[in-house]
PDB file of N, CA and C in Angstrom:
ATOM      1  N   UNK A   1      85.241 127.395 -51.866  1.00  0.00           N
ATOM      2  CA  UNK A   1      84.702 128.163 -52.966  1.00  0.00           C
ATOM      3  C   UNK A   1      83.756 127.272 -53.764  1.00  0.00           C
ATOM      4  N   UNK A   2      82.612 127.807 -54.119  1.00  0.00           N
ATOM      5  CA  UNK A   2      81.615 127.050 -54.869  1.00  0.00           C
ATOM      6  C   UNK A   2      81.931 127.083 -56.357  1.00  0.00           C
ATOM      7  N   UNK A   3      81.355 126.138 -57.089  1.00  0.00           N
ATOM      8  CA  UNK A   3      81.653 125.974 -58.515  1.00  0.00           C
ATOM      9  C   UNK A   3      81.353 127.246 -59.303  1.00  0.00           C
ATOM     10  N   UNK A   4      80.187 127.843 -59.087  1.00  0.00           N
ATOM     11  CA  UNK A   4      79.827 129.051 -59.837  1.00  0.00           C
ATOM     12  C   UNK A   4      80.808 130.180 -59.604  1.00  0.00           C
ATOM     13  N   UNK A   5      81.197 130.370 -58.369  1.00  0.00           N
ATOM     14  CA  UNK A   5      82.166 131.417 -58.030  1.00  0.00           C
ATOM     15  C   UNK A   5      83.507 131.132 -58.701  1.00  0.00           C
ATOM     16  N   UNK A   6      83.938 129.888 -58.640  1.00  0.00           N
ATOM     17  CA  UNK A   6      85.220 129.510 -59.244  1.00  0.00           C
ATOM     18  C   UNK A   6      85.198 129.745 -60.755  1.00  0.00           C
ATOM     19  N   UNK A   7      84.119 129.322 -61.395  1.00  0.00           N
ATOM     20  CA  UNK A   7      84.009 129.493 -62.859  1.00  0.00           C
ATOM     21  C   UNK A   7      83.970 130.968 -63.239  1.00  0.00           C
ATOM     22  N   UNK A   8      83.265 131.769 -62.446  1.00  0.00           N
ATOM     23  CA  UNK A   8      83.189 133.200 -62.716  1.00  0.00           C
ATOM     24  C   UNK A   8      84.587 133.828 -62.626  1.00  0.00           C
ATOM     25  N   UNK A   9      85.323 133.471 -61.598  1.00  0.00           N
ATOM     26  CA  UNK A   9      86.681 134.001 -61.451  1.00  0.00           C
ATOM     27  C   UNK A   9      87.589 133.517 -62.585  1.00  0.00           C
ATOM     28  N   UNK A  10      87.358 132.301 -63.064  1.00  0.00           N
ATOM     29  CA  UNK A  10      88.120 131.801 -64.214  1.00  0.00           C
ATOM     30  C   UNK A  10      87.825 132.631 -65.458  1.00  0.00           C
ATOM     31  N   UNK A  11      86.575 133.005 -65.646  1.00  0.00           N
ATOM     32  CA  UNK A  11      86.225 133.867 -66.787  1.00  0.00           C
ATOM     33  C   UNK A  11      86.958 135.200 -66.708  1.00  0.00           C
ATOM     34  N   UNK A  12      86.971 135.790 -65.522  1.00  0.00           N
ATOM     35  CA  UNK A  12      87.658 137.066 -65.343  1.00  0.00           C
ATOM     36  C   UNK A  12      89.146 136.917 -65.609  1.00  0.00           C
ATOM     37  N   UNK A  13      89.725 135.843 -65.122  1.00  0.00           N
ATOM     38  CA  UNK A  13      91.153 135.606 -65.337  1.00  0.00           C
ATOM     39  C   UNK A  13      91.457 135.401 -66.820  1.00  0.00           C
ATOM     40  N   UNK A  14      90.588 134.689 -67.505  1.00  0.00           N
ATOM     41  CA  UNK A  14      90.826 134.361 -68.910  1.00  0.00           C
ATOM     42  C   UNK A  14      90.579 135.543 -69.848  1.00  0.00           C
ATOM     43  N   UNK A  15      89.469 136.286 -69.614  1.00  0.00           N
ATOM     44  CA  UNK A  15      89.073 137.333 -70.549  1.00  0.00           C
ATOM     45  C   UNK A  15      89.249 138.755 -70.024  1.00  0.00           C
ATOM     46  N   UNK A  16      89.436 138.892 -68.722  1.00  0.00           N
ATOM     47  CA  UNK A  16      89.574 140.218 -68.126  1.00  0.00           C
ATOM     48  C   UNK A  16      88.239 140.722 -67.585  1.00  0.00           C
ATOM     49  N   UNK A  17      88.352 141.527 -66.540  1.00  0.00           N
ATOM     50  CA  UNK A  17      87.161 142.042 -65.856  1.00  0.00           C
ATOM     51  C   UNK A  17      86.273 142.855 -66.793  1.00  0.00           C
ATOM     52  N   UNK A  18      86.867 143.741 -67.592  1.00  0.00           N
ATOM     53  CA  UNK A  18      86.066 144.599 -68.471  1.00  0.00           C
ATOM     54  C   UNK A  18      85.282 143.785 -69.494  1.00  0.00           C
ATOM     55  N   UNK A  19      85.909 142.776 -70.084  1.00  0.00           N
ATOM     56  CA  UNK A  19      85.223 141.953 -71.082  1.00  0.00           C
ATOM     57  C   UNK A  19      84.067 141.184 -70.453  1.00  0.00           C
ATOM     58  N   UNK A  20      84.289 140.645 -69.263  1.00  0.00           N
ATOM     59  CA  UNK A  20      83.238 139.880 -68.592  1.00  0.00           C
ATOM     60  C   UNK A  20      82.080 140.805 -68.204  1.00  0.00           C
ATOM     61  N   UNK A  21      82.408 141.948 -67.615  1.00  0.00           N
ATOM     62  CA  UNK A  21      81.363 142.893 -67.239  1.00  0.00           C
ATOM     63  C   UNK A  21      80.618 143.400 -68.473  1.00  0.00           C
ATOM     64  N   UNK A  22      81.330 143.639 -69.555  1.00  0.00           N
ATOM     65  CA  UNK A  22      80.696 144.079 -70.791  1.00  0.00           C
ATOM     66  C   UNK A  22      79.768 143.018 -71.351  1.00  0.00           C
ATOM     67  N   UNK A  23      80.192 141.772 -71.268  1.00  0.00           N
ATOM     68  CA  UNK A  23      79.354 140.675 -71.754  1.00  0.00           C
ATOM     69  C   UNK A  23      78.094 140.537 -70.921  1.00  0.00           C
ATOM     70  N   UNK A  24      78.225 140.658 -69.618  1.00  0.00           N
ATOM     71  CA  UNK A  24      77.058 140.584 -68.740  1.00  0.00           C
ATOM     72  C   UNK A  24      76.095 141.719 -69.068  1.00  0.00           C
ATOM     73  N   UNK A  25      76.620 142.921 -69.252  1.00  0.00           N
ATOM     74  CA  UNK A  25      75.774 144.069 -69.584  1.00  0.00           C
ATOM     75  C   UNK A  25      75.067 143.843 -70.920  1.00  0.00           C
ATOM     76  N   UNK A  26      75.775 143.289 -71.900  1.00  0.00           N
ATOM     77  CA  UNK A  26      75.175 143.029 -73.213  1.00  0.00           C
ATOM     78  C   UNK A  26      74.057 141.995 -73.108  1.00  0.00           C
ATOM     79  N   UNK A  27      74.275 140.951 -72.332  1.00  0.00           N
ATOM     80  CA  UNK A  27      73.238 139.927 -72.139  1.00  0.00           C
ATOM     81  C   UNK A  27      72.016 140.538 -71.464  1.00  0.00           C
ATOM     82  N   UNK A  28      72.233 141.342 -70.437  1.00  0.00           N
ATOM     83  CA  UNK A  28      71.115 141.976 -69.731  1.00  0.00           C
ATOM     84  C   UNK A  28      70.361 142.936 -70.655  1.00  0.00           C
ATOM     85  N   UNK A  29      71.092 143.726 -71.442  1.00  0.00           N
ATOM     86  CA  UNK A  29      70.459 144.660 -72.378  1.00  0.00           C
ATOM     87  C   UNK A  29      69.627 143.913 -73.417  1.00  0.00           C
ATOM     88  N   UNK A  30      70.174 142.821 -73.926  1.00  0.00           N
ATOM     89  CA  UNK A  30      69.452 142.033 -74.924  1.00  0.00           C
ATOM     90  C   UNK A  30      68.191 141.423 -74.312  1.00  0.00           C
ATOM     91  N   UNK A  31      68.304 140.874 -73.114  1.00  0.00           N
ATOM     92  CA  UNK A  31      67.146 140.274 -72.445  1.00  0.00           C
ATOM     93  C   UNK A  31      66.064 141.325 -72.206  1.00  0.00           C
ATOM     94  N   UNK A  32      66.466 142.516 -71.799  1.00  0.00           N
ATOM     95  CA  UNK A  32      65.490 143.582 -71.578  1.00  0.00           C
ATOM     96  C   UNK A  32      64.801 143.965 -72.883  1.00  0.00           C
ATOM     97  N   UNK A  33      65.578 144.116 -73.949  1.00  0.00           N
ATOM     98  CA  UNK A  33      65.000 144.481 -75.246  1.00  0.00           C
ATOM     99  C   UNK A  33      64.013 143.428 -75.724  1.00  0.00           C
ATOM    100  N   UNK A  34      64.358 142.161 -75.566  1.00  0.00           N
ATOM    101  CA  UNK A  34      63.469 141.085 -75.988  1.00  0.00           C
ATOM    102  C   UNK A  34      62.188 141.062 -75.138  1.00  0.00           C
ATOM    103  N   UNK A  35      62.319 141.260 -73.848  1.00  0.00           N
ATOM    104  CA  UNK A  35      61.146 141.267 -72.967  1.00  0.00           C
ATOM    105  C   UNK A  35      60.235 142.442 -73.301  1.00  0.00           C
ATOM    106  N   UNK A  36      60.823 143.599 -73.561  1.00  0.00           N
ATOM    107  CA  UNK A  36      60.016 144.773 -73.913  1.00  0.00           C
ATOM    108  C   UNK A  36      59.314 144.565 -75.254  1.00  0.00           C
ATOM    109  N   UNK A  37      60.021 143.998 -76.215  1.00  0.00           N
ATOM    110  CA  UNK A  37      59.416 143.744 -77.528  1.00  0.00           C
ATOM    111  C   UNK A  37      58.254 142.769 -77.402  1.00  0.00           C
ATOM    112  N   UNK A  38      58.434 141.729 -76.631  1.00  0.00           N
ATOM    113  CA  UNK A  38      57.366 140.738 -76.444  1.00  0.00           C
ATOM    114  C   UNK A  38      56.184 141.356 -75.711  1.00  0.00           C
ATOM    115  N   UNK A  39      56.462 142.164 -74.705  1.00  0.00           N
ATOM    116  CA  UNK A  39      55.400 142.805 -73.938  1.00  0.00           C
ATOM    117  C   UNK A  39      54.562 143.721 -74.827  1.00  0.00           C
ATOM    118  N   UNK A  40      55.197 144.391 -75.780  1.00  0.00           N
ATOM    119  CA  UNK A  40      54.458 145.280 -76.684  1.00  0.00           C
ATOM    120  C   UNK A  40      53.471 144.527 -77.566  1.00  0.00           C
ATOM    121  N   UNK A  41      53.635 143.218 -77.720  1.00  0.00           N
ATOM    122  CA  UNK A  41      52.718 142.443 -78.562  1.00  0.00           C
ATOM    123  C   UNK A  41      51.445 142.020 -77.818  1.00  0.00           C
ATOM    124  N   UNK A  42      51.403 142.225 -76.516  1.00  0.00           N
ATOM    125  CA  UNK A  42      50.232 141.833 -75.727  1.00  0.00           C
ATOM    126  C   UNK A  42      49.148 142.891 -75.923  1.00  0.00           C
ATOM    127  N   UNK A  43      47.962 142.482 -76.327  1.00  0.00           N
ATOM    128  CA  UNK A  43      46.886 143.454 -76.533  1.00  0.00           C
ATOM    129  C   UNK A  43      46.530 144.190 -75.237  1.00  0.00           C
ATOM    130  N   UNK A  44      46.086 145.445 -75.404  1.00  0.00           N
ATOM    131  CA  UNK A  44      45.605 146.200 -74.250  1.00  0.00           C
ATOM    132  C   UNK A  44      44.430 145.462 -73.627  1.00  0.00           C
ATOM    133  N   UNK A  45      44.319 145.558 -72.339  1.00  0.00           N
ATOM    134  CA  UNK A  45      43.218 144.912 -71.656  1.00  0.00           C
ATOM    135  C   UNK A  45      43.494 144.802 -70.174  1.00  0.00           C
ATOM    136  N   UNK A  46      42.603 144.134 -69.484  1.00  0.00           N
ATOM    137  CA  UNK A  46      42.765 143.877 -68.055  1.00  0.00           C
ATOM    138  C   UNK A  46      43.072 142.393 -67.899  1.00  0.00           C
ATOM    139  N   UNK A  47      44.153 142.116 -67.239  1.00  0.00           N
ATOM    140  CA  UNK A  47      44.595 140.732 -67.059  1.00  0.00           C
ATOM    141  C   UNK A  47      44.686 140.431 -65.575  1.00  0.00           C
ATOM    142  N   UNK A  48      44.328 139.220 -65.215  1.00  0.00           N
ATOM    143  CA  UNK A  48      44.402 138.791 -63.829  1.00  0.00           C
ATOM    144  C   UNK A  48      45.047 137.416 -63.767  1.00  0.00           C
ATOM    145  N   UNK A  49      45.706 137.151 -62.657  1.00  0.00           N
ATOM    146  CA  UNK A  49      46.310 135.835 -62.456  1.00  0.00           C
ATOM    147  C   UNK A  49      46.352 135.546 -60.955  1.00  0.00           C
ATOM    148  N   UNK A  50      46.350 134.281 -60.625  1.00  0.00           N
ATOM    149  CA  UNK A  50      46.451 133.871 -59.236  1.00  0.00           C
ATOM    150  C   UNK A  50      47.219 132.560 -59.169  1.00  0.00           C
ATOM    151  N   UNK A  51      48.099 132.474 -58.209  1.00  0.00           N
ATOM    152  CA  UNK A  51      48.854 131.254 -57.984  1.00  0.00           C
ATOM    153  C   UNK A  51      49.196 131.193 -56.499  1.00  0.00           C
ATOM    154  N   UNK A  52      49.958 130.210 -56.114  1.00  0.00           N
ATOM    155  CA  UNK A  52      50.340 130.049 -54.705  1.00  0.00           C
ATOM    156  C   UNK A  52      51.792 129.627 -54.584  1.00  0.00           C
ATOM    157  N   UNK A  53      52.483 130.216 -53.621  1.00  0.00           N
ATOM    158  CA  UNK A  53      53.790 129.704 -53.214  1.00  0.00           C
ATOM    159  C   UNK A  53      53.529 128.592 -52.214  1.00  0.00           C
ATOM    160  N   UNK A  54      54.421 127.626 -52.155  1.00  0.00           N
ATOM    161  CA  UNK A  54      54.239 126.521 -51.211  1.00  0.00           C
ATOM    162  C   UNK A  54      54.076 127.028 -49.788  1.00  0.00           C
ATOM    163  N   UNK A  55      54.934 127.956 -49.392  1.00  0.00           N
ATOM    164  CA  UNK A  55      54.843 128.578 -48.075  1.00  0.00           C
ATOM    165  C   UNK A  55      55.827 129.741 -48.041  1.00  0.00           C
ATOM    166  N   UNK A  56      55.864 130.462 -46.920  1.00  0.00           N
ATOM    167  CA  UNK A  56      56.745 131.625 -46.820  1.00  0.00           C
ATOM    168  C   UNK A  56      58.038 131.322 -46.054  1.00  0.00           C
ATOM    169  N   UNK A  57      58.271 130.062 -45.752  1.00  0.00           N
ATOM    170  CA  UNK A  57      59.474 129.685 -45.031  1.00  0.00           C
ATOM    171  C   UNK A  57      59.342 129.820 -43.522  1.00  0.00           C
ATOM    172  N   UNK A  58      58.299 130.498 -43.083  1.00  0.00           N
ATOM    173  CA  UNK A  58      58.055 130.657 -41.649  1.00  0.00           C
ATOM    174  C   UNK A  58      56.890 129.763 -41.250  1.00  0.00           C
ATOM    175  N   UNK A  59      55.788 129.929 -41.960  1.00  0.00           N
ATOM    176  CA  UNK A  59      54.616 129.065 -41.733  1.00  0.00           C
ATOM    177  C   UNK A  59      54.679 127.928 -42.754  1.00  0.00           C
ATOM    178  N   UNK A  60      55.572 126.984 -42.512  1.00  0.00           N
ATOM    179  CA  UNK A  60      55.832 125.897 -43.450  1.00  0.00           C
ATOM    180  C   UNK A  60      54.568 125.085 -43.684  1.00  0.00           C
ATOM    181  N   UNK A  61      54.280 124.855 -44.977  1.00  0.00           N
ATOM    182  CA  UNK A  61      53.121 124.071 -45.349  1.00  0.00           C
ATOM    183  C   UNK A  61      51.853 124.885 -45.537  1.00  0.00           C
ATOM    184  N   UNK A  62      51.909 126.174 -45.206  1.00  0.00           N
ATOM    185  CA  UNK A  62      50.737 127.041 -45.384  1.00  0.00           C
ATOM    186  C   UNK A  62      50.915 127.830 -46.684  1.00  0.00           C
ATOM    187  N   UNK A  63      50.134 127.500 -47.725  1.00  0.00           N
ATOM    188  CA  UNK A  63      50.285 128.179 -49.011  1.00  0.00           C
ATOM    189  C   UNK A  63      50.089 129.691 -48.903  1.00  0.00           C
ATOM    190  N   UNK A  64      50.852 130.419 -49.700  1.00  0.00           N
ATOM    191  CA  UNK A  64      50.760 131.867 -49.749  1.00  0.00           C
ATOM    192  C   UNK A  64      50.183 132.263 -51.100  1.00  0.00           C
ATOM    193  N   UNK A  65      49.004 132.917 -51.116  1.00  0.00           N
ATOM    194  CA  UNK A  65      48.428 133.306 -52.403  1.00  0.00           C
ATOM    195  C   UNK A  65      49.194 134.471 -53.031  1.00  0.00           C
ATOM    196  N   UNK A  66      49.289 134.424 -54.339  1.00  0.00           N
ATOM    197  CA  UNK A  66      49.893 135.511 -55.110  1.00  0.00           C
ATOM    198  C   UNK A  66      48.868 135.896 -56.163  1.00  0.00           C
ATOM    199  N   UNK A  67      48.413 137.111 -56.110  1.00  0.00           N
ATOM    200  CA  UNK A  67      47.389 137.589 -57.049  1.00  0.00           C
ATOM    201  C   UNK A  67      47.860 138.878 -57.709  1.00  0.00           C
ATOM    202  N   UNK A  68      47.563 139.016 -58.965  1.00  0.00           N
ATOM    203  CA  UNK A  68      47.803 140.278 -59.655  1.00  0.00           C
ATOM    204  C   UNK A  68      46.658 140.528 -60.620  1.00  0.00           C
ATOM    205  N   UNK A  69      46.381 141.752 -60.836  1.00  0.00           N
ATOM    206  CA  UNK A  69      45.281 142.078 -61.742  1.00  0.00           C
ATOM    207  C   UNK A  69      44.729 143.425 -61.458  1.00  0.00           C
TER     208      UNK A  69
END
């Protein structure tokens, strides 16, 4: 068993499944609310970005472009 799995099971044992699941849901809800609030502050417009992943795991060493816009 890996450390993260063990610690997660310890949380469930200590606080109960419902409390742990409720806490996870609360954290996710808060993160979503904060991301949405921050996104609303971005002015309307056209945005573009470009970056590269090191590779796709198949063609090792061949950069993979990532573009959005």
